[in-house]
């Protein structure tokens, strides 16, 4: 019986030591996770502070580009009407001139369409 008592005592001592070591490592893990969460929160806050002005600038740039595109579109429509009236008078001379003017208008509108994007 004394051997069982000694074996049981060693088993209990080993179990207690393992439990203490495991508890220490779990506490270290919790502390590290808390520091990681704090650092992540700091990074997220700084990124948010930097993104807000950038988004405002992008919004203003988009408005500027939109107004420029609208202005260019209006000027293009006026130019298109002028060219159409000029070519329309000359198109009376023949059917080939009309198809030529359509080709020019398609080319101009395609070229200006590239600038709109």
PDB file of N, CA and C in Angstrom:
ATOM      1  N   UNK A   1       0.790  -1.199   0.000  1.00  0.00           N
ATOM      2  CA  UNK A   1       0.000   0.000   0.000  1.00  0.00           C
ATOM      3  C   UNK A   1       0.837   1.270   0.000  1.00  0.00           C
ATOM      4  N   UNK A   2       1.981   1.229   0.694  1.00  0.00           N
ATOM      5  CA  UNK A   2       2.785   2.445   0.713  1.00  0.00           C
ATOM      6  C   UNK A   2       3.235   2.862  -0.690  1.00  0.00           C
ATOM      7  N   UNK A   3       3.430   1.877  -1.596  1.00  0.00           N
ATOM      8  CA  UNK A   3       3.840   2.227  -2.954  1.00  0.00           C
ATOM      9  C   UNK A   3       2.727   2.984  -3.669  1.00  0.00           C
ATOM     10  N   UNK A   4       1.482   2.601  -3.455  1.00  0.00           N
ATOM     11  CA  UNK A   4       0.348   3.284  -4.078  1.00  0.00           C
ATOM     12  C   UNK A   4       0.231   4.698  -3.533  1.00  0.00           C
ATOM     13  N   UNK A   5       0.506   4.876  -2.275  1.00  0.00           N
ATOM     14  CA  UNK A   5       0.422   6.196  -1.664  1.00  0.00           C
ATOM     15  C   UNK A   5       1.507   7.111  -2.222  1.00  0.00           C
ATOM     16  N   UNK A   6       2.704   6.582  -2.403  1.00  0.00           N
ATOM     17  CA  UNK A   6       3.813   7.372  -2.960  1.00  0.00           C
ATOM     18  C   UNK A   6       3.508   7.714  -4.420  1.00  0.00           C
ATOM     19  N   UNK A   7       3.025   6.740  -5.169  1.00  0.00           N
ATOM     20  CA  UNK A   7       2.682   6.971  -6.574  1.00  0.00           C
ATOM     21  C   UNK A   7       1.581   8.017  -6.700  1.00  0.00           C
ATOM     22  N   UNK A   8       0.595   7.903  -5.828  1.00  0.00           N
ATOM     23  CA  UNK A   8      -0.493   8.869  -5.850  1.00  0.00           C
ATOM     24  C   UNK A   8       0.006  10.266  -5.484  1.00  0.00           C
ATOM     25  N   UNK A   9       0.921  10.358  -4.530  1.00  0.00           N
ATOM     26  CA  UNK A   9       1.482  11.648  -4.126  1.00  0.00           C
ATOM     27  C   UNK A   9       2.274  12.276  -5.267  1.00  0.00           C
ATOM     28  N   UNK A  10       3.065  11.448  -5.968  1.00  0.00           N
ATOM     29  CA  UNK A  10       3.835  11.955  -7.111  1.00  0.00           C
ATOM     30  C   UNK A  10       2.899  12.411  -8.217  1.00  0.00           C
ATOM     31  N   UNK A  11       1.854  11.639  -8.473  1.00  0.00           N
ATOM     32  CA  UNK A  11       0.865  12.006  -9.490  1.00  0.00           C
ATOM     33  C   UNK A  11       0.180  13.314  -9.141  1.00  0.00           C
ATOM     34  N   UNK A  12      -0.192  13.486  -7.896  1.00  0.00           N
ATOM     35  CA  UNK A  12      -0.852  14.736  -7.466  1.00  0.00           C
ATOM     36  C   UNK A  12       0.104  15.918  -7.584  1.00  0.00           C
ATOM     37  N   UNK A  13       1.371  15.709  -7.143  1.00  0.00           N
ATOM     38  CA  UNK A  13       2.360  16.787  -7.222  1.00  0.00           C
ATOM     39  C   UNK A  13       2.596  17.194  -8.677  1.00  0.00           C
ATOM     40  N   UNK A  14       2.737  16.219  -9.558  1.00  0.00           N
ATOM     41  CA  UNK A  14       2.952  16.489 -10.981  1.00  0.00           C
ATOM     42  C   UNK A  14       1.739  17.193 -11.587  1.00  0.00           C
ATOM     43  N   UNK A  15       0.551  16.753 -11.210  1.00  0.00           N
ATOM     44  CA  UNK A  15      -0.672  17.379 -11.724  1.00  0.00           C
ATOM     45  C   UNK A  15      -0.776  18.829 -11.274  1.00  0.00           C
ATOM     46  N   UNK A  16      -0.455  19.103 -10.017  1.00  0.00           N
ATOM     47  CA  UNK A  16      -0.507  20.466  -9.496  1.00  0.00           C
ATOM     48  C   UNK A  16       0.519  21.344 -10.206  1.00  0.00           C
ATOM     49  N   UNK A  17       1.733  20.821 -10.415  1.00  0.00           N
ATOM     50  CA  UNK A  17       2.773  21.590 -11.112  1.00  0.00           C
ATOM     51  C   UNK A  17       2.333  21.887 -12.546  1.00  0.00           C
ATOM     52  N   UNK A  18       1.789  20.889 -13.223  1.00  0.00           N
ATOM     53  CA  UNK A  18       1.300  21.101 -14.605  1.00  0.00           C
ATOM     54  C   UNK A  18       0.181  22.128 -14.631  1.00  0.00           C
ATOM     55  N   UNK A  19      -0.716  22.063 -13.664  1.00  0.00           N
ATOM     56  CA  UNK A  19      -1.826  23.011 -13.593  1.00  0.00           C
ATOM     57  C   UNK A  19      -1.312  24.432 -13.357  1.00  0.00           C
ATOM     58  N   UNK A  20      -0.316  24.577 -12.484  1.00  0.00           N
ATOM     59  CA  UNK A  20       0.264  25.905 -12.218  1.00  0.00           C
ATOM     60  C   UNK A  20       0.950  26.444 -13.474  1.00  0.00           C
ATOM     61  N   UNK A  21       1.747  25.604 -14.141  1.00  0.00           N
ATOM     62  CA  UNK A  21       2.444  26.029 -15.366  1.00  0.00           C
ATOM     63  C   UNK A  21       1.438  26.415 -16.444  1.00  0.00           C
ATOM     64  N   UNK A  22       0.403  25.612 -16.600  1.00  0.00           N
ATOM     65  CA  UNK A  22      -0.633  25.898 -17.582  1.00  0.00           C
ATOM     66  C   UNK A  22      -1.340  27.215 -17.258  1.00  0.00           C
ATOM     67  N   UNK A  23      -1.620  27.459 -16.000  1.00  0.00           N
ATOM     68  CA  UNK A  23      -2.271  28.699 -15.582  1.00  0.00           C
ATOM     69  C   UNK A  23      -1.382  29.902 -15.880  1.00  0.00           C
ATOM     70  N   UNK A  24      -0.095  29.782 -15.638  1.00  0.00           N
ATOM     71  CA  UNK A  24       0.843  30.877 -15.935  1.00  0.00           C
ATOM     72  C   UNK A  24       0.848  31.172 -17.434  1.00  0.00           C
ATOM     73  N   UNK A  25       0.919  30.152 -18.256  1.00  0.00           N
ATOM     74  CA  UNK A  25       0.928  30.369 -19.699  1.00  0.00           C
ATOM     75  C   UNK A  25      -0.388  30.956 -20.201  1.00  0.00           C
ATOM     76  N   UNK A  26      -1.505  30.523 -19.637  1.00  0.00           N
ATOM     77  CA  UNK A  26      -2.801  31.089 -20.036  1.00  0.00           C
ATOM     78  C   UNK A  26      -2.881  32.563 -19.649  1.00  0.00           C
ATOM     79  N   UNK A  27      -2.364  32.914 -18.461  1.00  0.00           N
ATOM     80  CA  UNK A  27      -2.349  34.321 -18.040  1.00  0.00           C
ATOM     81  C   UNK A  27      -1.482  35.160 -18.975  1.00  0.00           C
ATOM     82  N   UNK A  28      -0.300  34.626 -19.355  1.00  0.00           N
ATOM     83  CA  UNK A  28       0.557  35.334 -20.306  1.00  0.00           C
ATOM     84  C   UNK A  28      -0.145  35.505 -21.649  1.00  0.00           C
ATOM     85  N   UNK A  29      -0.869  34.490 -22.080  1.00  0.00           N
ATOM     86  CA  UNK A  29      -1.611  34.563 -23.334  1.00  0.00           C
ATOM     87  C   UNK A  29      -2.691  35.631 -23.263  1.00  0.00           C
ATOM     88  N   UNK A  30      -3.399  35.696 -22.167  1.00  0.00           N
ATOM     89  CA  UNK A  30      -4.452  36.707 -22.005  1.00  0.00           C
ATOM     90  C   UNK A  30      -3.848  38.110 -22.002  1.00  0.00           C
ATOM     91  N   UNK A  31      -2.715  38.284 -21.338  1.00  0.00           N
ATOM     92  CA  UNK A  31      -2.051  39.596 -21.313  1.00  0.00           C
ATOM     93  C   UNK A  31      -1.593  39.993 -22.714  1.00  0.00           C
ATOM     94  N   UNK A  32      -1.008  39.058 -23.440  1.00  0.00           N
ATOM     95  CA  UNK A  32      -0.559  39.340 -24.808  1.00  0.00           C
ATOM     96  C   UNK A  32      -1.737  39.670 -25.721  1.00  0.00           C
ATOM     97  N   UNK A  33      -2.822  38.940 -25.577  1.00  0.00           N
ATOM     98  CA  UNK A  33      -4.012  39.201 -26.393  1.00  0.00           C
ATOM     99  C   UNK A  33      -4.579  40.576 -26.077  1.00  0.00           C
ATOM    100  N   UNK A  34      -4.570  40.986 -24.823  1.00  0.00           N
ATOM    101  CA  UNK A  34      -5.062  42.302 -24.438  1.00  0.00           C
ATOM    102  C   UNK A  34      -4.195  43.405 -25.055  1.00  0.00           C
ATOM    103  N   UNK A  35      -2.866  43.219 -25.020  1.00  0.00           N
ATOM    104  CA  UNK A  35      -1.972  44.199 -25.641  1.00  0.00           C
ATOM    105  C   UNK A  35      -2.199  44.270 -27.144  1.00  0.00           C
ATOM    106  N   UNK A  36      -2.400  43.111 -27.760  1.00  0.00           N
ATOM    107  CA  UNK A  36      -2.662  43.080 -29.202  1.00  0.00           C
ATOM    108  C   UNK A  36      -3.943  43.820 -29.545  1.00  0.00           C
ATOM    109  N   UNK A  37      -4.980  43.621 -28.767  1.00  0.00           N
ATOM    110  CA  UNK A  37      -6.251  44.298 -29.003  1.00  0.00           C
ATOM    111  C   UNK A  37      -6.105  45.806 -28.824  1.00  0.00           C
ATOM    112  N   UNK A  38      -5.347  46.221 -27.810  1.00  0.00           N
ATOM    113  CA  UNK A  38      -5.114  47.653 -27.601  1.00  0.00           C
ATOM    114  C   UNK A  38      -4.360  48.260 -28.784  1.00  0.00           C
ATOM    115  N   UNK A  39      -3.323  47.580 -29.247  1.00  0.00           N
ATOM    116  CA  UNK A  39      -2.560  48.070 -30.389  1.00  0.00           C
ATOM    117  C   UNK A  39      -3.419  48.124 -31.654  1.00  0.00           C
ATOM    118  N   UNK A  40      -4.246  47.118 -31.838  1.00  0.00           N
ATOM    119  CA  UNK A  40      -5.142  47.110 -32.993  1.00  0.00           C
ATOM    120  C   UNK A  40      -6.121  48.273 -32.926  1.00  0.00           C
ATOM    121  N   UNK A  41      -6.616  48.559 -31.746  1.00  0.00           N
ATOM    122  CA  UNK A  41      -7.536  49.681 -31.572  1.00  0.00           C
ATOM    123  C   UNK A  41      -6.840  51.000 -31.894  1.00  0.00           C
ATOM    124  N   UNK A  42      -5.595  51.159 -31.472  1.00  0.00           N
ATOM    125  CA  UNK A  42      -4.838  52.382 -31.765  1.00  0.00           C
ATOM    126  C   UNK A  42      -4.623  52.530 -33.273  1.00  0.00           C
ATOM    127  N   UNK A  43      -4.265  51.433 -33.919  1.00  0.00           N
ATOM    128  CA  UNK A  43      -4.055  51.474 -35.372  1.00  0.00           C
ATOM    129  C   UNK A  43      -5.347  51.809 -36.094  1.00  0.00           C
ATOM    130  N   UNK A  44      -6.443  51.198 -35.689  1.00  0.00           N
ATOM    131  CA  UNK A  44      -7.733  51.468 -36.341  1.00  0.00           C
ATOM    132  C   UNK A  44      -8.139  52.925 -36.160  1.00  0.00           C
ATOM    133  N   UNK A  45      -7.894  53.489 -35.000  1.00  0.00           N
ATOM    134  CA  UNK A  45      -8.229  54.886 -34.750  1.00  0.00           C
ATOM    135  C   UNK A  45      -7.388  55.807 -35.621  1.00  0.00           C
ATOM    136  N   UNK A  46      -6.093  55.536 -35.719  1.00  0.00           N
ATOM    137  CA  UNK A  46      -5.234  56.398 -36.541  1.00  0.00           C
ATOM    138  C   UNK A  46      -5.584  56.280 -38.019  1.00  0.00           C
ATOM    139  N   UNK A  47      -5.906  55.080 -38.469  1.00  0.00           N
ATOM    140  CA  UNK A  47      -6.307  54.909 -39.875  1.00  0.00           C
ATOM    141  C   UNK A  47      -7.608  55.650 -40.146  1.00  0.00           C
ATOM    142  N   UNK A  48      -8.538  55.591 -39.214  1.00  0.00           N
ATOM    143  CA  UNK A  48      -9.807  56.292 -39.387  1.00  0.00           C
ATOM    144  C   UNK A  48      -9.584  57.798 -39.463  1.00  0.00           C
ATOM    145  N   UNK A  49      -8.695  58.322 -38.619  1.00  0.00           N
ATOM    146  CA  UNK A  49      -8.408  59.762 -38.641  1.00  0.00           C
ATOM    147  C   UNK A  49      -7.764  60.175 -39.956  1.00  0.00           C
ATOM    148  N   UNK A  50      -6.959  59.317 -40.538  1.00  0.00           N
ATOM    149  CA  UNK A  50      -6.300  59.651 -41.793  1.00  0.00           C
ATOM    150  C   UNK A  50      -7.200  59.435 -43.000  1.00  0.00           C
ATOM    151  N   UNK A  51      -8.142  58.515 -42.910  1.00  0.00           N
ATOM    152  CA  UNK A  51      -9.001  58.224 -44.060  1.00  0.00           C
ATOM    153  C   UNK A  51     -10.052  59.312 -44.260  1.00  0.00           C
ATOM    154  N   UNK A  52     -10.584  59.880 -43.182  1.00  0.00           N
ATOM    155  CA  UNK A  52     -11.651  60.869 -43.311  1.00  0.00           C
ATOM    156  C   UNK A  52     -11.237  62.061 -44.170  1.00  0.00           C
ATOM    157  N   UNK A  53     -10.082  62.713 -43.950  1.00  0.00           N
ATOM    158  CA  UNK A  53      -9.696  63.816 -44.832  1.00  0.00           C
ATOM    159  C   UNK A  53      -9.436  63.366 -46.270  1.00  0.00           C
ATOM    160  N   UNK A  54      -8.894  62.160 -46.408  1.00  0.00           N
ATOM    161  CA  UNK A  54      -8.638  61.647 -47.751  1.00  0.00           C
ATOM    162  C   UNK A  54      -9.943  61.454 -48.504  1.00  0.00           C
ATOM    163  N   UNK A  55     -10.942  60.933 -47.830  1.00  0.00           N
ATOM    164  CA  UNK A  55     -12.248  60.746 -48.482  1.00  0.00           C
ATOM    165  C   UNK A  55     -12.879  62.082 -48.853  1.00  0.00           C
ATOM    166  N   UNK A  56     -12.713  63.086 -47.988  1.00  0.00           N
ATOM    167  CA  UNK A  56     -13.233  64.413 -48.314  1.00  0.00           C
ATOM    168  C   UNK A  56     -12.549  64.969 -49.553  1.00  0.00           C
ATOM    169  N   UNK A  57     -11.229  64.807 -49.637  1.00  0.00           N
ATOM    170  CA  UNK A  57     -10.497  65.289 -50.807  1.00  0.00           C
ATOM    171  C   UNK A  57     -10.922  64.543 -52.064  1.00  0.00           C
ATOM    172  N   UNK A  58     -11.122  63.237 -51.954  1.00  0.00           N
ATOM    173  CA  UNK A  58     -11.575  62.468 -53.107  1.00  0.00           C
ATOM    174  C   UNK A  58     -12.968  62.894 -53.560  1.00  0.00           C
ATOM    175  N   UNK A  59     -13.829  63.221 -52.606  1.00  0.00           N
ATOM    176  CA  UNK A  59     -15.170  63.675 -52.942  1.00  0.00           C
ATOM    177  C   UNK A  59     -15.108  65.005 -53.688  1.00  0.00           C
ATOM    178  N   UNK A  60     -14.265  65.926 -53.202  1.00  0.00           N
ATOM    179  CA  UNK A  60     -14.115  67.213 -53.870  1.00  0.00           C
ATOM    180  C   UNK A  60     -13.517  67.037 -55.263  1.00  0.00           C
ATOM    181  N   UNK A  61     -12.548  66.137 -55.393  1.00  0.00           N
ATOM    182  CA  UNK A  61     -11.948  65.880 -56.700  1.00  0.00           C
ATOM    183  C   UNK A  61     -12.980  65.296 -57.663  1.00  0.00           C
ATOM    184  N   UNK A  62     -13.818  64.407 -57.161  1.00  0.00           N
ATOM    185  CA  UNK A  62     -14.863  63.817 -58.010  1.00  0.00           C
ATOM    186  C   UNK A  62     -15.851  64.887 -58.471  1.00  0.00           C
ATOM    187  N   UNK A  63     -16.187  65.833 -57.581  1.00  0.00           N
ATOM    188  CA  UNK A  63     -17.086  66.920 -57.975  1.00  0.00           C
ATOM    189  C   UNK A  63     -16.439  67.782 -59.044  1.00  0.00           C
ATOM    190  N   UNK A  64     -15.150  68.075 -58.889  1.00  0.00           N
ATOM    191  CA  UNK A  64     -14.440  68.888 -59.879  1.00  0.00           C
ATOM    192  C   UNK A  64     -14.387  68.180 -61.225  1.00  0.00           C
ATOM    193  N   UNK A  65     -14.073  66.898 -61.187  1.00  0.00           N
ATOM    194  CA  UNK A  65     -14.006  66.135 -62.438  1.00  0.00           C
ATOM    195  C   UNK A  65     -15.381  66.068 -63.091  1.00  0.00           C
ATOM    196  N   UNK A  66     -16.423  65.925 -62.290  1.00  0.00           N
ATOM    197  CA  UNK A  66     -17.777  65.868 -62.827  1.00  0.00           C
ATOM    198  C   UNK A  66     -18.149  67.185 -63.494  1.00  0.00           C
ATOM    199  N   UNK A  67     -17.820  68.310 -62.860  1.00  0.00           N
ATOM    200  CA  UNK A  67     -18.148  69.603 -63.469  1.00  0.00           C
ATOM    201  C   UNK A  67     -17.351  69.825 -64.746  1.00  0.00           C
ATOM    202  N   UNK A  68     -16.086  69.384 -64.763  1.00  0.00           N
ATOM    203  CA  UNK A  68     -15.277  69.511 -65.976  1.00  0.00           C
ATOM    204  C   UNK A  68     -15.866  68.644 -67.091  1.00  0.00           C
ATOM    205  N   UNK A  69     -16.280  67.443 -66.735  1.00  0.00           N
ATOM    206  CA  UNK A  69     -16.876  66.549 -67.740  1.00  0.00           C
ATOM    207  C   UNK A  69     -18.181  67.114 -68.278  1.00  0.00           C
ATOM    208  N   UNK A  70     -18.994  67.690 -67.397  1.00  0.00           N
ATOM    209  CA  UNK A  70     -20.253  68.298 -67.856  1.00  0.00           C
ATOM    210  C   UNK A  70     -19.977  69.482 -68.763  1.00  0.00           C
ATOM    211  N   UNK A  71     -18.993  70.303 -68.422  1.00  0.00           N
ATOM    212  CA  UNK A  71     -18.627  71.445 -69.252  1.00  0.00           C
ATOM    213  C   UNK A  71     -18.113  70.976 -70.605  1.00  0.00           C
ATOM    214  N   UNK A  72     -17.261  69.951 -70.596  1.00  0.00           N
ATOM    215  CA  UNK A  72     -16.739  69.416 -71.855  1.00  0.00           C
ATOM    216  C   UNK A  72     -17.861  68.821 -72.696  1.00  0.00           C
ATOM    217  N   UNK A  73     -18.824  68.173 -72.036  1.00  0.00           N
ATOM    218  CA  UNK A  73     -19.949  67.589 -72.762  1.00  0.00           C
ATOM    219  C   UNK A  73     -20.780  68.676 -73.429  1.00  0.00           C
ATOM    220  N   UNK A  74     -21.033  69.774 -72.709  1.00  0.00           N
ATOM    221  CA  UNK A  74     -21.795  70.888 -73.282  1.00  0.00           C
ATOM    222  C   UNK A  74     -21.051  71.481 -74.473  1.00  0.00           C
ATOM    223  N   UNK A  75     -19.754  71.695 -74.303  1.00  0.00           N
ATOM    224  CA  UNK A  75     -18.960  72.246 -75.413  1.00  0.00           C
ATOM    225  C   UNK A  75     -18.924  71.280 -76.588  1.00  0.00           C
ATOM    226  N   UNK A  76     -18.854  69.998 -76.294  1.00  0.00           N
ATOM    227  CA  UNK A  76     -18.861  69.009 -77.367  1.00  0.00           C
ATOM    228  C   UNK A  76     -20.186  69.028 -78.125  1.00  0.00           C
ATOM    229  N   UNK A  77     -21.287  69.139 -77.394  1.00  0.00           N
ATOM    230  CA  UNK A  77     -22.591  69.182 -78.053  1.00  0.00           C
ATOM    231  C   UNK A  77     -22.700  70.417 -78.951  1.00  0.00           C
ATOM    232  N   UNK A  78     -22.195  71.567 -78.460  1.00  0.00           N
ATOM    233  CA  UNK A  78     -22.215  72.787 -79.277  1.00  0.00           C
ATOM    234  C   UNK A  78     -21.337  72.618 -80.513  1.00  0.00           C
ATOM    235  N   UNK A  79     -20.153  72.042 -80.328  1.00  0.00           N
ATOM    236  CA  UNK A  79     -19.253  71.808 -81.461  1.00  0.00           C
ATOM    237  C   UNK A  79     -19.861  70.817 -82.432  1.00  0.00           C
ATOM    238  N   UNK A  80     -20.498  69.813 -81.896  1.00  0.00           N
ATOM    239  CA  UNK A  80     -21.136  68.799 -82.744  1.00  0.00           C
ATOM    240  C   UNK A  80     -22.249  69.433 -83.574  1.00  0.00           C
ATOM    241  N   UNK A  81     -23.053  70.303 -82.934  1.00  0.00           N
ATOM    242  CA  UNK A  81     -24.126  70.972 -83.671  1.00  0.00           C
ATOM    243  C   UNK A  81     -23.547  71.888 -84.752  1.00  0.00           C
ATOM    244  N   UNK A  82     -22.482  72.605 -84.432  1.00  0.00           N
ATOM    245  CA  UNK A  82     -21.851  73.495 -85.414  1.00  0.00           C
ATOM    246  C   UNK A  82     -21.285  72.708 -86.580  1.00  0.00           C
ATOM    247  N   UNK A  83     -20.585  71.636 -86.263  1.00  0.00           N
ATOM    248  CA  UNK A  83     -20.004  70.816 -87.328  1.00  0.00           C
ATOM    249  C   UNK A  83     -21.106  70.156 -88.148  1.00  0.00           C
ATOM    250  N   UNK A  84     -22.161  69.730 -87.476  1.00  0.00           N
ATOM    251  CA  UNK A  84     -23.269  69.100 -88.209  1.00  0.00           C
ATOM    252  C   UNK A  84     -23.920  70.082 -89.166  1.00  0.00           C
ATOM    253  N   UNK A  85     -24.102  71.314 -88.720  1.00  0.00           N
ATOM    254  CA  UNK A  85     -24.718  72.304 -89.615  1.00  0.00           C
ATOM    255  C   UNK A  85     -23.775  72.662 -90.756  1.00  0.00           C
ATOM    256  N   UNK A  86     -22.482  72.758 -90.454  1.00  0.00           N
ATOM    257  CA  UNK A  86     -21.504  73.065 -91.497  1.00  0.00           C
ATOM    258  C   UNK A  86     -21.396  71.926 -92.492  1.00  0.00           C
ATOM    259  N   UNK A  87     -21.303  70.712 -91.978  1.00  0.00           N
ATOM    260  CA  UNK A  87     -21.191  69.554 -92.861  1.00  0.00           C
ATOM    261  C   UNK A  87     -22.528  69.261 -93.526  1.00  0.00           C
ATOM    262  N   UNK A  88     -23.615  69.582 -92.821  1.00  0.00           N
ATOM    263  CA  UNK A  88     -24.942  69.345 -93.391  1.00  0.00           C
ATOM    264  C   UNK A  88     -25.159  70.148 -94.670  1.00  0.00           C
ATOM    265  N   UNK A  89     -24.647  71.372 -94.676  1.00  0.00           N
ATOM    266  CA  UNK A  89     -24.771  72.187 -95.891  1.00  0.00           C
ATOM    267  C   UNK A  89     -23.943  71.588 -97.015  1.00  0.00           C
ATOM    268  N   UNK A  90     -22.778  71.090 -96.665  1.00  0.00           N
ATOM    269  CA  UNK A  90     -21.928  70.490 -97.690  1.00  0.00           C
ATOM    270  C   UNK A  90     -22.402  69.108 -98.092  1.00  0.00           C
ATOM    271  N   UNK A  91     -23.175  68.473 -97.222  1.00  0.00           N
ATOM    272  CA  UNK A  91     -23.643  67.119 -97.511  1.00  0.00           C
ATOM    273  C   UNK A  91     -24.660  67.108 -98.641  1.00  0.00           C
ATOM    274  N   UNK A  92     -25.230  68.239 -98.913  1.00  0.00           N
ATOM    275  CA  UNK A  92     -26.171  68.324-100.027  1.00  0.00           C
ATOM    276  C   UNK A  92     -25.474  68.053-101.358  1.00  0.00           C
ATOM    277  N   UNK A  93     -24.174  68.206-101.397  1.00  0.00           N
ATOM    278  CA  UNK A  93     -23.427  68.004-102.626  1.00  0.00           C
ATOM    279  C   UNK A  93     -23.384  66.533-103.027  1.00  0.00           C
ATOM    280  N   UNK A  94     -23.480  65.648-102.076  1.00  0.00           N
ATOM    281  CA  UNK A  94     -23.435  64.240-102.462  1.00  0.00           C
ATOM    282  C   UNK A  94     -23.584  63.304-101.282  1.00  0.00           C
ATOM    283  N   UNK A  95     -23.965  62.092-101.551  1.00  0.00           N
ATOM    284  CA  UNK A  95     -24.174  61.084-100.513  1.00  0.00           C
ATOM    285  C   UNK A  95     -22.865  60.644 -99.868  1.00  0.00           C
ATOM    286  N   UNK A  96     -21.772  60.695-100.635  1.00  0.00           N
ATOM    287  CA  UNK A  96     -20.492  60.283-100.082  1.00  0.00           C
ATOM    288  C   UNK A  96     -20.024  61.247 -99.005  1.00  0.00           C
ATOM    289  N   UNK A  97     -20.308  62.501 -99.197  1.00  0.00           N
ATOM    290  CA  UNK A  97     -19.907  63.495 -98.217  1.00  0.00           C
ATOM    291  C   UNK A  97     -20.668  63.289 -96.911  1.00  0.00           C
ATOM    292  N   UNK A  98     -21.922  62.851 -97.003  1.00  0.00           N
ATOM    293  CA  UNK A  98     -22.727  62.594 -95.805  1.00  0.00           C
ATOM    294  C   UNK A  98     -22.145  61.424 -95.005  1.00  0.00           C
ATOM    295  N   UNK A  99     -21.799  60.355 -95.684  1.00  0.00           N
ATOM    296  CA  UNK A  99     -21.216  59.213 -94.964  1.00  0.00           C
ATOM    297  C   UNK A  99     -19.846  59.598 -94.397  1.00  0.00           C
ATOM    298  N   UNK A 100     -19.136  60.445 -95.101  1.00  0.00           N
ATOM    299  CA  UNK A 100     -17.845  60.932 -94.603  1.00  0.00           C
ATOM    300  C   UNK A 100     -18.047  61.759 -93.333  1.00  0.00           C
ATOM    301  N   UNK A 101     -19.074  62.604 -93.312  1.00  0.00           N
ATOM    302  CA  UNK A 101     -19.327  63.434 -92.131  1.00  0.00           C
ATOM    303  C   UNK A 101     -19.766  62.570 -90.944  1.00  0.00           C
ATOM    304  N   UNK A 102     -20.532  61.529 -91.209  1.00  0.00           N
ATOM    305  CA  UNK A 102     -20.919  60.624 -90.119  1.00  0.00           C
ATOM    306  C   UNK A 102     -19.700  59.934 -89.540  1.00  0.00           C
ATOM    307  N   UNK A 103     -18.787  59.542 -90.406  1.00  0.00           N
ATOM    308  CA  UNK A 103     -17.557  58.919 -89.942  1.00  0.00           C
ATOM    309  C   UNK A 103     -16.732  59.872 -89.090  1.00  0.00           C
ATOM    310  N   UNK A 104     -16.673  61.127 -89.500  1.00  0.00           N
ATOM    311  CA  UNK A 104     -15.937  62.126 -88.718  1.00  0.00           C
ATOM    312  C   UNK A 104     -16.612  62.333 -87.369  1.00  0.00           C
ATOM    313  N   UNK A 105     -17.937  62.440 -87.366  1.00  0.00           N
ATOM    314  CA  UNK A 105     -18.665  62.658 -86.114  1.00  0.00           C
ATOM    315  C   UNK A 105     -18.490  61.462 -85.174  1.00  0.00           C
ATOM    316  N   UNK A 106     -18.522  60.262 -85.714  1.00  0.00           N
ATOM    317  CA  UNK A 106     -18.305  59.086 -84.880  1.00  0.00           C
ATOM    318  C   UNK A 106     -16.892  59.094 -84.301  1.00  0.00           C
ATOM    319  N   UNK A 107     -15.933  59.479 -85.122  1.00  0.00           N
ATOM    320  CA  UNK A 107     -14.553  59.542 -84.639  1.00  0.00           C
ATOM    321  C   UNK A 107     -14.378  60.587 -83.556  1.00  0.00           C
ATOM    322  N   UNK A 108     -14.983  61.765 -83.759  1.00  0.00           N
ATOM    323  CA  UNK A 108     -14.885  62.833 -82.759  1.00  0.00           C
ATOM    324  C   UNK A 108     -15.588  62.423 -81.472  1.00  0.00           C
ATOM    325  N   UNK A 109     -16.790  61.871 -81.591  1.00  0.00           N
ATOM    326  CA  UNK A 109     -17.517  61.474 -80.384  1.00  0.00           C
ATOM    327  C   UNK A 109     -16.814  60.323 -79.666  1.00  0.00           C
ATOM    328  N   UNK A 110     -16.185  59.414 -80.428  1.00  0.00           N
ATOM    329  CA  UNK A 110     -15.427  58.353 -79.778  1.00  0.00           C
ATOM    330  C   UNK A 110     -14.221  58.928 -79.041  1.00  0.00           C
ATOM    331  N   UNK A 111     -13.523  59.851 -79.692  1.00  0.00           N
ATOM    332  CA  UNK A 111     -12.357  60.476 -79.062  1.00  0.00           C
ATOM    333  C   UNK A 111     -12.724  61.248 -77.809  1.00  0.00           C
ATOM    334  N   UNK A 112     -13.801  62.014 -77.871  1.00  0.00           N
ATOM    335  CA  UNK A 112     -14.244  62.757 -76.686  1.00  0.00           C
ATOM    336  C   UNK A 112     -14.824  61.828 -75.631  1.00  0.00           C
ATOM    337  N   UNK A 113     -15.398  60.726 -76.072  1.00  0.00           N
ATOM    338  CA  UNK A 113     -15.910  59.731 -75.116  1.00  0.00           C
ATOM    339  C   UNK A 113     -14.787  59.126 -74.288  1.00  0.00           C
ATOM    340  N   UNK A 114     -13.620  58.999 -74.875  1.00  0.00           N
ATOM    341  CA  UNK A 114     -12.469  58.492 -74.119  1.00  0.00           C
ATOM    342  C   UNK A 114     -12.073  59.461 -73.015  1.00  0.00           C
ATOM    343  N   UNK A 115     -12.216  60.774 -73.302  1.00  0.00           N
ATOM    344  CA  UNK A 115     -11.857  61.767 -72.270  1.00  0.00           C
ATOM    345  C   UNK A 115     -12.889  61.845 -71.172  1.00  0.00           C
ATOM    346  N   UNK A 116     -14.131  61.465 -71.449  1.00  0.00           N
ATOM    347  CA  UNK A 116     -15.170  61.492 -70.424  1.00  0.00           C
ATOM    348  C   UNK A 116     -14.910  60.462 -69.345  1.00  0.00           C
ATOM    349  N   UNK A 117     -14.377  59.313 -69.720  1.00  0.00           N
ATOM    350  CA  UNK A 117     -14.144  58.260 -68.754  1.00  0.00           C
ATOM    351  C   UNK A 117     -13.013  58.666 -67.881  1.00  0.00           C
TER     352      UNK A 117
END
